[in-house]
């Protein structure tokens, strides 16, 4: 981190602490927790505000839900790119052929 930014952040932390404000440290959530909350939001059995009372801010829960829905197709993908695999096999075959041709030419 840039020393100037670090000094600025330290000054703000001290100012907040002197005046009795909360710390400016951000909360960090595990990926398991985010997945659990996003799944609850996707189910739709409770509103975002009801979930927020238990888990945190409704905007954050909405973002986690959106991220989960966006990345879901990747979860169910085969994990293979068949076109890339085919091209790699073709490239290997051609390199082998070039190697054979170089050996045949004196």
PDB file of N, CA and C in Angstrom:
ATOM      1  N   UNK A   1       0.847  -1.179   0.000  1.00  0.00           N
ATOM      2  CA  UNK A   1       0.000   0.000   0.000  1.00  0.00           C
ATOM      3  C   UNK A   1       0.891   1.240   0.000  1.00  0.00           C
ATOM      4  N   UNK A   2       0.445   2.232  -0.688  1.00  0.00           N
ATOM      5  CA  UNK A   2       1.141   3.502  -0.761  1.00  0.00           C
ATOM      6  C   UNK A   2       1.270   4.090   0.652  1.00  0.00           C
ATOM      7  N   UNK A   3       2.487   4.510   1.058  1.00  0.00           N
ATOM      8  CA  UNK A   3       2.668   5.056   2.417  1.00  0.00           C
ATOM      9  C   UNK A   3       1.768   6.250   2.705  1.00  0.00           C
ATOM     10  N   UNK A   4       1.516   7.075   1.711  1.00  0.00           N
ATOM     11  CA  UNK A   4       0.664   8.238   1.923  1.00  0.00           C
ATOM     12  C   UNK A   4      -0.776   7.801   2.225  1.00  0.00           C
ATOM     13  N   UNK A   5      -1.259   6.796   1.504  1.00  0.00           N
ATOM     14  CA  UNK A   5      -2.610   6.293   1.756  1.00  0.00           C
ATOM     15  C   UNK A   5      -2.696   5.651   3.135  1.00  0.00           C
ATOM     16  N   UNK A   6      -1.622   4.909   3.496  1.00  0.00           N
ATOM     17  CA  UNK A   6      -1.614   4.257   4.801  1.00  0.00           C
ATOM     18  C   UNK A   6      -1.661   5.294   5.919  1.00  0.00           C
ATOM     19  N   UNK A   7      -0.874   6.366   5.786  1.00  0.00           N
ATOM     20  CA  UNK A   7      -0.877   7.423   6.796  1.00  0.00           C
ATOM     21  C   UNK A   7      -2.245   8.079   6.890  1.00  0.00           C
ATOM     22  N   UNK A   8      -2.859   8.315   5.743  1.00  0.00           N
ATOM     23  CA  UNK A   8      -4.187   8.923   5.719  1.00  0.00           C
ATOM     24  C   UNK A   8      -5.205   8.020   6.414  1.00  0.00           C
ATOM     25  N   UNK A   9      -5.128   6.718   6.132  1.00  0.00           N
ATOM     26  CA  UNK A   9      -6.047   5.763   6.753  1.00  0.00           C
ATOM     27  C   UNK A   9      -5.846   5.725   8.269  1.00  0.00           C
ATOM     28  N   UNK A  10      -4.594   5.764   8.708  1.00  0.00           N
ATOM     29  CA  UNK A  10      -4.308   5.767  10.147  1.00  0.00           C
ATOM     30  C   UNK A  10      -4.865   7.015  10.817  1.00  0.00           C
ATOM     31  N   UNK A  11      -4.704   8.171  10.150  1.00  0.00           N
ATOM     32  CA  UNK A  11      -5.245   9.412  10.714  1.00  0.00           C
ATOM     33  C   UNK A  11      -6.760   9.333  10.854  1.00  0.00           C
ATOM     34  N   UNK A  12      -7.448   8.791   9.851  1.00  0.00           N
ATOM     35  CA  UNK A  12      -8.905   8.664   9.919  1.00  0.00           C
ATOM     36  C   UNK A  12      -9.312   7.714  11.040  1.00  0.00           C
ATOM     37  N   UNK A  13      -8.584   6.597  11.175  1.00  0.00           N
ATOM     38  CA  UNK A  13      -8.890   5.655  12.255  1.00  0.00           C
ATOM     39  C   UNK A  13      -8.758   6.327  13.613  1.00  0.00           C
ATOM     40  N   UNK A  14      -7.691   7.083  13.808  1.00  0.00           N
ATOM     41  CA  UNK A  14      -7.497   7.781  15.077  1.00  0.00           C
ATOM     42  C   UNK A  14      -8.595   8.804  15.328  1.00  0.00           C
ATOM     43  N   UNK A  15      -8.950   9.539  14.292  1.00  0.00           N
ATOM     44  CA  UNK A  15     -10.011  10.533  14.423  1.00  0.00           C
ATOM     45  C   UNK A  15     -11.331   9.871  14.821  1.00  0.00           C
ATOM     46  N   UNK A  16     -11.679   8.759  14.163  1.00  0.00           N
ATOM     47  CA  UNK A  16     -12.908   8.058  14.489  1.00  0.00           C
ATOM     48  C   UNK A  16     -12.883   7.532  15.917  1.00  0.00           C
ATOM     49  N   UNK A  17     -11.753   6.973  16.327  1.00  0.00           N
ATOM     50  CA  UNK A  17     -11.651   6.423  17.681  1.00  0.00           C
ATOM     51  C   UNK A  17     -11.748   7.525  18.730  1.00  0.00           C
ATOM     52  N   UNK A  18     -11.112   8.685  18.474  1.00  0.00           N
ATOM     53  CA  UNK A  18     -11.167   9.800  19.425  1.00  0.00           C
ATOM     54  C   UNK A  18     -12.590  10.301  19.613  1.00  0.00           C
ATOM     55  N   UNK A  19     -13.351  10.311  18.555  1.00  0.00           N
ATOM     56  CA  UNK A  19     -14.714  10.840  18.624  1.00  0.00           C
ATOM     57  C   UNK A  19     -15.744   9.770  18.963  1.00  0.00           C
ATOM     58  N   UNK A  20     -15.283   8.543  19.187  1.00  0.00           N
ATOM     59  CA  UNK A  20     -16.196   7.474  19.595  1.00  0.00           C
ATOM     60  C   UNK A  20     -16.929   6.802  18.459  1.00  0.00           C
ATOM     61  N   UNK A  21     -16.494   7.010  17.225  1.00  0.00           N
ATOM     62  CA  UNK A  21     -17.132   6.341  16.099  1.00  0.00           C
ATOM     63  C   UNK A  21     -16.629   4.910  15.989  1.00  0.00           C
ATOM     64  N   UNK A  22     -17.331   4.148  15.209  1.00  0.00           N
ATOM     65  CA  UNK A  22     -16.919   2.767  14.969  1.00  0.00           C
ATOM     66  C   UNK A  22     -15.641   2.738  14.148  1.00  0.00           C
ATOM     67  N   UNK A  23     -14.955   1.629  14.213  1.00  0.00           N
ATOM     68  CA  UNK A  23     -13.760   1.429  13.420  1.00  0.00           C
ATOM     69  C   UNK A  23     -14.139   1.380  11.939  1.00  0.00           C
ATOM     70  N   UNK A  24     -13.205   1.716  11.080  1.00  0.00           N
ATOM     71  CA  UNK A  24     -13.486   1.700   9.651  1.00  0.00           C
ATOM     72  C   UNK A  24     -13.087   0.368   9.015  1.00  0.00           C
ATOM     73  N   UNK A  25     -12.719  -0.623   9.819  1.00  0.00           N
ATOM     74  CA  UNK A  25     -12.382  -1.933   9.274  1.00  0.00           C
ATOM     75  C   UNK A  25     -13.625  -2.581   8.698  1.00  0.00           C
ATOM     76  N   UNK A  26     -13.466  -3.196   7.531  1.00  0.00           N
ATOM     77  CA  UNK A  26     -14.596  -3.829   6.861  1.00  0.00           C
ATOM     78  C   UNK A  26     -14.782  -5.240   7.379  1.00  0.00           C
ATOM     79  N   UNK A  27     -16.025  -5.671   7.393  1.00  0.00           N
ATOM     80  CA  UNK A  27     -16.313  -7.056   7.765  1.00  0.00           C
ATOM     81  C   UNK A  27     -15.974  -7.954   6.597  1.00  0.00           C
ATOM     82  N   UNK A  28     -15.453  -9.134   6.903  1.00  0.00           N
ATOM     83  CA  UNK A  28     -15.108 -10.091   5.864  1.00  0.00           C
ATOM     84  C   UNK A  28     -15.919 -11.354   6.101  1.00  0.00           C
ATOM     85  N   UNK A  29     -16.541 -11.842   5.033  1.00  0.00           N
ATOM     86  CA  UNK A  29     -17.389 -13.022   5.119  1.00  0.00           C
ATOM     87  C   UNK A  29     -16.746 -14.163   4.338  1.00  0.00           C
ATOM     88  N   UNK A  30     -16.885 -15.372   4.856  1.00  0.00           N
ATOM     89  CA  UNK A  30     -16.337 -16.535   4.152  1.00  0.00           C
ATOM     90  C   UNK A  30     -17.200 -16.845   2.934  1.00  0.00           C
ATOM     91  N   UNK A  31     -16.617 -17.558   1.990  1.00  0.00           N
ATOM     92  CA  UNK A  31     -17.369 -17.923   0.790  1.00  0.00           C
ATOM     93  C   UNK A  31     -18.506 -18.869   1.138  1.00  0.00           C
ATOM     94  N   UNK A  32     -18.325 -19.686   2.165  1.00  0.00           N
ATOM     95  CA  UNK A  32     -19.387 -20.606   2.597  1.00  0.00           C
ATOM     96  C   UNK A  32     -20.582 -19.823   3.132  1.00  0.00           C
ATOM     97  N   UNK A  33     -20.296 -18.776   3.933  1.00  0.00           N
ATOM     98  CA  UNK A  33     -21.360 -17.941   4.484  1.00  0.00           C
ATOM     99  C   UNK A  33     -22.106 -17.225   3.363  1.00  0.00           C
ATOM    100  N   UNK A  34     -21.344 -16.660   2.411  1.00  0.00           N
ATOM    101  CA  UNK A  34     -21.978 -15.949   1.298  1.00  0.00           C
ATOM    102  C   UNK A  34     -22.876 -16.887   0.492  1.00  0.00           C
ATOM    103  N   UNK A  35     -22.392 -18.114   0.263  1.00  0.00           N
ATOM    104  CA  UNK A  35     -23.181 -19.086  -0.497  1.00  0.00           C
ATOM    105  C   UNK A  35     -24.465 -19.440   0.250  1.00  0.00           C
ATOM    106  N   UNK A  36     -24.364 -19.620   1.555  1.00  0.00           N
ATOM    107  CA  UNK A  36     -25.538 -19.950   2.369  1.00  0.00           C
ATOM    108  C   UNK A  36     -26.583 -18.837   2.299  1.00  0.00           C
ATOM    109  N   UNK A  37     -26.133 -17.602   2.447  1.00  0.00           N
ATOM    110  CA  UNK A  37     -27.048 -16.457   2.423  1.00  0.00           C
ATOM    111  C   UNK A  37     -27.647 -16.284   1.025  1.00  0.00           C
ATOM    112  N   UNK A  38     -26.820 -16.419  -0.008  1.00  0.00           N
ATOM    113  CA  UNK A  38     -27.309 -16.282  -1.390  1.00  0.00           C
ATOM    114  C   UNK A  38     -28.347 -17.348  -1.691  1.00  0.00           C
ATOM    115  N   UNK A  39     -28.117 -18.565  -1.226  1.00  0.00           N
ATOM    116  CA  UNK A  39     -29.080 -19.645  -1.446  1.00  0.00           C
ATOM    117  C   UNK A  39     -30.406 -19.335  -0.766  1.00  0.00           C
ATOM    118  N   UNK A  40     -30.343 -18.815   0.444  1.00  0.00           N
ATOM    119  CA  UNK A  40     -31.579 -18.412   1.139  1.00  0.00           C
ATOM    120  C   UNK A  40     -32.324 -17.340   0.341  1.00  0.00           C
ATOM    121  N   UNK A  41     -31.571 -16.389  -0.226  1.00  0.00           N
ATOM    122  CA  UNK A  41     -32.199 -15.320  -1.010  1.00  0.00           C
ATOM    123  C   UNK A  41     -32.806 -15.879  -2.297  1.00  0.00           C
ATOM    124  N   UNK A  42     -32.110 -16.831  -2.928  1.00  0.00           N
ATOM    125  CA  UNK A  42     -32.611 -17.425  -4.167  1.00  0.00           C
ATOM    126  C   UNK A  42     -33.887 -18.213  -3.907  1.00  0.00           C
ATOM    127  N   UNK A  43     -33.953 -18.904  -2.786  1.00  0.00           N
ATOM    128  CA  UNK A  43     -35.152 -19.681  -2.444  1.00  0.00           C
ATOM    129  C   UNK A  43     -36.388 -18.792  -2.411  1.00  0.00           C
ATOM    130  N   UNK A  44     -36.228 -17.557  -1.932  1.00  0.00           N
ATOM    131  CA  UNK A  44     -37.333 -16.610  -1.921  1.00  0.00           C
ATOM    132  C   UNK A  44     -38.379 -16.867  -0.850  1.00  0.00           C
ATOM    133  N   UNK A  45     -38.068 -17.673   0.138  1.00  0.00           N
ATOM    134  CA  UNK A  45     -39.032 -17.957   1.202  1.00  0.00           C
ATOM    135  C   UNK A  45     -39.151 -16.795   2.183  1.00  0.00           C
ATOM    136  N   UNK A  46     -38.101 -15.955   2.224  1.00  0.00           N
ATOM    137  CA  UNK A  46     -38.126 -14.765   3.077  1.00  0.00           C
ATOM    138  C   UNK A  46     -37.684 -13.572   2.234  1.00  0.00           C
ATOM    139  N   UNK A  47     -38.104 -12.381   2.614  1.00  0.00           N
ATOM    140  CA  UNK A  47     -37.718 -11.170   1.891  1.00  0.00           C
ATOM    141  C   UNK A  47     -36.263 -10.824   2.208  1.00  0.00           C
ATOM    142  N   UNK A  48     -35.694  -9.947   1.379  1.00  0.00           N
ATOM    143  CA  UNK A  48     -34.326  -9.509   1.630  1.00  0.00           C
ATOM    144  C   UNK A  48     -34.204  -8.808   2.985  1.00  0.00           C
ATOM    145  N   UNK A  49     -35.227  -8.061   3.360  1.00  0.00           N
ATOM    146  CA  UNK A  49     -35.189  -7.381   4.658  1.00  0.00           C
ATOM    147  C   UNK A  49     -35.211  -8.374   5.812  1.00  0.00           C
ATOM    148  N   UNK A  50     -35.971  -9.441   5.673  1.00  0.00           N
ATOM    149  CA  UNK A  50     -35.985 -10.474   6.719  1.00  0.00           C
ATOM    150  C   UNK A  50     -34.615 -11.154   6.804  1.00  0.00           C
ATOM    151  N   UNK A  51     -34.034 -11.452   5.664  1.00  0.00           N
ATOM    152  CA  UNK A  51     -32.701 -12.051   5.651  1.00  0.00           C
ATOM    153  C   UNK A  51     -31.665 -11.083   6.221  1.00  0.00           C
ATOM    154  N   UNK A  52     -31.829  -9.796   5.926  1.00  0.00           N
ATOM    155  CA  UNK A  52     -30.881  -8.787   6.399  1.00  0.00           C
ATOM    156  C   UNK A  52     -30.886  -8.693   7.919  1.00  0.00           C
ATOM    157  N   UNK A  53     -32.039  -8.893   8.538  1.00  0.00           N
ATOM    158  CA  UNK A  53     -32.096  -8.860  10.001  1.00  0.00           C
ATOM    159  C   UNK A  53     -31.234  -9.957  10.608  1.00  0.00           C
ATOM    160  N   UNK A  54     -31.125 -11.067   9.904  1.00  0.00           N
ATOM    161  CA  UNK A  54     -30.338 -12.190  10.414  1.00  0.00           C
ATOM    162  C   UNK A  54     -28.894 -12.169   9.924  1.00  0.00           C
ATOM    163  N   UNK A  55     -28.671 -11.786   8.664  1.00  0.00           N
ATOM    164  CA  UNK A  55     -27.354 -11.973   8.059  1.00  0.00           C
ATOM    165  C   UNK A  55     -26.587 -10.697   7.731  1.00  0.00           C
ATOM    166  N   UNK A  56     -27.235  -9.580   7.582  1.00  0.00           N
ATOM    167  CA  UNK A  56     -26.506  -8.364   7.217  1.00  0.00           C
ATOM    168  C   UNK A  56     -27.338  -7.442   6.356  1.00  0.00           C
ATOM    169  N   UNK A  57     -26.685  -6.575   5.612  1.00  0.00           N
ATOM    170  CA  UNK A  57     -27.342  -5.531   4.832  1.00  0.00           C
ATOM    171  C   UNK A  57     -28.045  -6.107   3.599  1.00  0.00           C
ATOM    172  N   UNK A  58     -29.276  -5.646   3.304  1.00  0.00           N
ATOM    173  CA  UNK A  58     -30.016  -6.185   2.156  1.00  0.00           C
ATOM    174  C   UNK A  58     -29.324  -5.959   0.814  1.00  0.00           C
ATOM    175  N   UNK A  59     -28.628  -4.830   0.640  1.00  0.00           N
ATOM    176  CA  UNK A  59     -27.923  -4.602  -0.622  1.00  0.00           C
ATOM    177  C   UNK A  59     -26.827  -5.636  -0.825  1.00  0.00           C
ATOM    178  N   UNK A  60     -26.115  -5.967   0.255  1.00  0.00           N
ATOM    179  CA  UNK A  60     -25.050  -6.961   0.173  1.00  0.00           C
ATOM    180  C   UNK A  60     -25.627  -8.328  -0.177  1.00  0.00           C
ATOM    181  N   UNK A  61     -26.731  -8.684   0.437  1.00  0.00           N
ATOM    182  CA  UNK A  61     -27.377  -9.970   0.165  1.00  0.00           C
ATOM    183  C   UNK A  61     -27.839 -10.023  -1.292  1.00  0.00           C
ATOM    184  N   UNK A  62     -28.384  -8.915  -1.784  1.00  0.00           N
ATOM    185  CA  UNK A  62     -28.803  -8.852  -3.187  1.00  0.00           C
ATOM    186  C   UNK A  62     -27.630  -9.038  -4.141  1.00  0.00           C
ATOM    187  N   UNK A  63     -26.474  -8.461  -3.793  1.00  0.00           N
ATOM    188  CA  UNK A  63     -25.284  -8.629  -4.636  1.00  0.00           C
ATOM    189  C   UNK A  63     -24.820 -10.079  -4.630  1.00  0.00           C
ATOM    190  N   UNK A  64     -24.820 -10.710  -3.461  1.00  0.00           N
ATOM    191  CA  UNK A  64     -24.405 -12.115  -3.377  1.00  0.00           C
ATOM    192  C   UNK A  64     -25.344 -13.008  -4.182  1.00  0.00           C
ATOM    193  N   UNK A  65     -26.644 -12.703  -4.114  1.00  0.00           N
ATOM    194  CA  UNK A  65     -27.628 -13.479  -4.872  1.00  0.00           C
ATOM    195  C   UNK A  65     -27.356 -13.335  -6.374  1.00  0.00           C
ATOM    196  N   UNK A  66     -27.110 -12.097  -6.815  1.00  0.00           N
ATOM    197  CA  UNK A  66     -26.841 -11.838  -8.229  1.00  0.00           C
ATOM    198  C   UNK A  66     -25.571 -12.560  -8.681  1.00  0.00           C
ATOM    199  N   UNK A  67     -24.516 -12.529  -7.855  1.00  0.00           N
ATOM    200  CA  UNK A  67     -23.266 -13.219  -8.181  1.00  0.00           C
ATOM    201  C   UNK A  67     -23.490 -14.727  -8.282  1.00  0.00           C
ATOM    202  N   UNK A  68     -24.278 -15.270  -7.356  1.00  0.00           N
ATOM    203  CA  UNK A  68     -24.536 -16.712  -7.362  1.00  0.00           C
ATOM    204  C   UNK A  68     -25.290 -17.120  -8.623  1.00  0.00           C
ATOM    205  N   UNK A  69     -26.313 -16.365  -8.981  1.00  0.00           N
ATOM    206  CA  UNK A  69     -27.095 -16.687 -10.175  1.00  0.00           C
ATOM    207  C   UNK A  69     -26.249 -16.550 -11.441  1.00  0.00           C
ATOM    208  N   UNK A  70     -25.343 -15.563 -11.460  1.00  0.00           N
ATOM    209  CA  UNK A  70     -24.500 -15.347 -12.635  1.00  0.00           C
ATOM    210  C   UNK A  70     -23.487 -16.478 -12.810  1.00  0.00           C
ATOM    211  N   UNK A  71     -22.962 -17.000 -11.709  1.00  0.00           N
ATOM    212  CA  UNK A  71     -21.912 -18.016 -11.812  1.00  0.00           C
ATOM    213  C   UNK A  71     -22.447 -19.443 -11.821  1.00  0.00           C
ATOM    214  N   UNK A  72     -23.737 -19.633 -11.658  1.00  0.00           N
ATOM    215  CA  UNK A  72     -24.302 -20.979 -11.623  1.00  0.00           C
ATOM    216  C   UNK A  72     -24.067 -21.792 -12.891  1.00  0.00           C
ATOM    217  N   UNK A  73     -24.181 -21.230 -14.084  1.00  0.00           N
ATOM    218  CA  UNK A  73     -23.918 -22.044 -15.280  1.00  0.00           C
ATOM    219  C   UNK A  73     -22.503 -22.635 -15.302  1.00  0.00           C
ATOM    220  N   UNK A  74     -21.538 -21.906 -14.751  1.00  0.00           N
ATOM    221  CA  UNK A  74     -20.174 -22.413 -14.702  1.00  0.00           C
ATOM    222  C   UNK A  74     -20.068 -23.645 -13.802  1.00  0.00           C
ATOM    223  N   UNK A  75     -20.865 -23.681 -12.752  1.00  0.00           N
ATOM    224  CA  UNK A  75     -20.838 -24.809 -11.825  1.00  0.00           C
ATOM    225  C   UNK A  75     -21.273 -26.084 -12.532  1.00  0.00           C
ATOM    226  N   UNK A  76     -22.247 -25.968 -13.414  1.00  0.00           N
ATOM    227  CA  UNK A  76     -22.789 -27.138 -14.086  1.00  0.00           C
ATOM    228  C   UNK A  76     -22.117 -27.417 -15.434  1.00  0.00           C
ATOM    229  N   UNK A  77     -21.147 -26.606 -15.790  1.00  0.00           N
ATOM    230  CA  UNK A  77     -20.406 -26.839 -17.024  1.00  0.00           C
ATOM    231  C   UNK A  77     -19.523 -28.068 -16.880  1.00  0.00           C
ATOM    232  N   UNK A  78     -19.079 -28.604 -17.985  1.00  0.00           N
ATOM    233  CA  UNK A  78     -18.269 -29.819 -17.956  1.00  0.00           C
ATOM    234  C   UNK A  78     -16.845 -29.536 -17.498  1.00  0.00           C
ATOM    235  N   UNK A  79     -16.450 -28.276 -17.498  1.00  0.00           N
ATOM    236  CA  UNK A  79     -15.095 -27.942 -17.106  1.00  0.00           C
ATOM    237  C   UNK A  79     -14.095 -28.148 -18.226  1.00  0.00           C
ATOM    238  N   UNK A  80     -14.569 -28.537 -19.384  1.00  0.00           N
ATOM    239  CA  UNK A  80     -13.689 -28.775 -20.518  1.00  0.00           C
ATOM    240  C   UNK A  80     -14.112 -27.894 -21.676  1.00  0.00           C
ATOM    241  N   UNK A  81     -13.140 -27.447 -22.365  1.00  0.00           N
ATOM    242  CA  UNK A  81     -13.399 -26.688 -23.585  1.00  0.00           C
ATOM    243  C   UNK A  81     -13.049 -27.617 -24.741  1.00  0.00           C
ATOM    244  N   UNK A  82     -14.076 -28.242 -25.309  1.00  0.00           N
ATOM    245  CA  UNK A  82     -13.859 -29.263 -26.330  1.00  0.00           C
ATOM    246  C   UNK A  82     -13.160 -28.703 -27.575  1.00  0.00           C
ATOM    247  N   UNK A  83     -13.460 -27.476 -27.943  1.00  0.00           N
ATOM    248  CA  UNK A  83     -12.818 -26.883 -29.119  1.00  0.00           C
ATOM    249  C   UNK A  83     -11.328 -26.701 -28.862  1.00  0.00           C
ATOM    250  N   UNK A  84     -10.962 -26.220 -27.700  1.00  0.00           N
ATOM    251  CA  UNK A  84      -9.542 -26.050 -27.366  1.00  0.00           C
ATOM    252  C   UNK A  84      -8.835 -27.398 -27.333  1.00  0.00           C
ATOM    253  N   UNK A  85      -9.511 -28.401 -26.810  1.00  0.00           N
ATOM    254  CA  UNK A  85      -8.930 -29.745 -26.760  1.00  0.00           C
ATOM    255  C   UNK A  85      -8.702 -30.287 -28.179  1.00  0.00           C
ATOM    256  N   UNK A  86      -9.664 -30.073 -29.069  1.00  0.00           N
ATOM    257  CA  UNK A  86      -9.543 -30.533 -30.446  1.00  0.00           C
ATOM    258  C   UNK A  86      -8.385 -29.832 -31.151  1.00  0.00           C
ATOM    259  N   UNK A  87      -8.270 -28.515 -30.939  1.00  0.00           N
ATOM    260  CA  UNK A  87      -7.184 -27.756 -31.561  1.00  0.00           C
ATOM    261  C   UNK A  87      -5.817 -28.200 -31.038  1.00  0.00           C
ATOM    262  N   UNK A  88      -5.741 -28.517 -29.768  1.00  0.00           N
ATOM    263  CA  UNK A  88      -4.478 -28.981 -29.198  1.00  0.00           C
ATOM    264  C   UNK A  88      -4.060 -30.330 -29.803  1.00  0.00           C
ATOM    265  N   UNK A  89      -5.020 -31.228 -29.974  1.00  0.00           N
ATOM    266  CA  UNK A  89      -4.719 -32.519 -30.604  1.00  0.00           C
ATOM    267  C   UNK A  89      -4.259 -32.329 -32.045  1.00  0.00           C
ATOM    268  N   UNK A  90      -4.909 -31.422 -32.768  1.00  0.00           N
ATOM    269  CA  UNK A  90      -4.537 -31.140 -34.152  1.00  0.00           C
ATOM    270  C   UNK A  90      -3.124 -30.559 -34.215  1.00  0.00           C
ATOM    271  N   UNK A  91      -2.822 -29.633 -33.312  1.00  0.00           N
ATOM    272  CA  UNK A  91      -1.483 -29.042 -33.262  1.00  0.00           C
ATOM    273  C   UNK A  91      -0.421 -30.107 -32.988  1.00  0.00           C
ATOM    274  N   UNK A  92      -0.688 -30.982 -32.025  1.00  0.00           N
ATOM    275  CA  UNK A  92       0.260 -32.057 -31.705  1.00  0.00           C
ATOM    276  C   UNK A  92       0.483 -32.974 -32.908  1.00  0.00           C
ATOM    277  N   UNK A  93      -0.601 -33.293 -33.626  1.00  0.00           N
ATOM    278  CA  UNK A  93      -0.496 -34.145 -34.807  1.00  0.00           C
ATOM    279  C   UNK A  93       0.369 -33.480 -35.876  1.00  0.00           C
ATOM    280  N   UNK A  94       0.157 -32.179 -36.069  1.00  0.00           N
ATOM    281  CA  UNK A  94       0.928 -31.451 -37.078  1.00  0.00           C
ATOM    282  C   UNK A  94       2.405 -31.344 -36.689  1.00  0.00           C
ATOM    283  N   UNK A  95       2.695 -31.108 -35.413  1.00  0.00           N
ATOM    284  CA  UNK A  95       4.092 -31.076 -34.973  1.00  0.00           C
ATOM    285  C   UNK A  95       4.778 -32.424 -35.207  1.00  0.00           C
ATOM    286  N   UNK A  96       4.048 -33.487 -34.938  1.00  0.00           N
ATOM    287  CA  UNK A  96       4.588 -34.833 -35.164  1.00  0.00           C
ATOM    288  C   UNK A  96       4.904 -35.032 -36.645  1.00  0.00           C
ATOM    289  N   UNK A  97       3.982 -34.584 -37.491  1.00  0.00           N
ATOM    290  CA  UNK A  97       4.165 -34.715 -38.940  1.00  0.00           C
ATOM    291  C   UNK A  97       5.379 -33.902 -39.406  1.00  0.00           C
ATOM    292  N   UNK A  98       5.530 -32.681 -38.905  1.00  0.00           N
ATOM    293  CA  UNK A  98       6.672 -31.832 -39.253  1.00  0.00           C
ATOM    294  C   UNK A  98       7.970 -32.503 -38.811  1.00  0.00           C
ATOM    295  N   UNK A  99       7.972 -33.101 -37.636  1.00  0.00           N
ATOM    296  CA  UNK A  99       9.152 -33.809 -37.151  1.00  0.00           C
ATOM    297  C   UNK A  99       9.518 -34.971 -38.057  1.00  0.00           C
ATOM    298  N   UNK A 100       8.521 -35.720 -38.523  1.00  0.00           N
ATOM    299  CA  UNK A 100       8.778 -36.844 -39.444  1.00  0.00           C
ATOM    300  C   UNK A 100       9.344 -36.350 -40.766  1.00  0.00           C
ATOM    301  N   UNK A 101       8.810 -35.244 -41.268  1.00  0.00           N
ATOM    302  CA  UNK A 101       9.276 -34.687 -42.540  1.00  0.00           C
ATOM    303  C   UNK A 101      10.723 -34.196 -42.427  1.00  0.00           C
ATOM    304  N   UNK A 102      11.075 -33.606 -41.278  1.00  0.00           N
ATOM    305  CA  UNK A 102      12.444 -33.132 -41.092  1.00  0.00           C
ATOM    306  C   UNK A 102      13.437 -34.308 -41.068  1.00  0.00           C
ATOM    307  N   UNK A 103      13.019 -35.414 -40.510  1.00  0.00           N
ATOM    308  CA  UNK A 103      13.890 -36.590 -40.458  1.00  0.00           C
ATOM    309  C   UNK A 103      14.081 -37.165 -41.868  1.00  0.00           C
ATOM    310  N   UNK A 104      13.055 -37.170 -42.702  1.00  0.00           N
ATOM    311  CA  UNK A 104      13.098 -37.739 -44.045  1.00  0.00           C
ATOM    312  C   UNK A 104      13.964 -36.900 -44.980  1.00  0.00           C
ATOM    313  N   UNK A 105      14.019 -35.582 -44.794  1.00  0.00           N
ATOM    314  CA  UNK A 105      14.791 -34.697 -45.673  1.00  0.00           C
ATOM    315  C   UNK A 105      16.242 -34.729 -45.199  1.00  0.00           C
ATOM    316  N   UNK A 106      17.209 -35.103 -46.161  1.00  0.00           N
ATOM    317  CA  UNK A 106      18.628 -35.176 -45.759  1.00  0.00           C
ATOM    318  C   UNK A 106      19.248 -33.810 -45.548  1.00  0.00           C
TER     319      UNK A 106
END
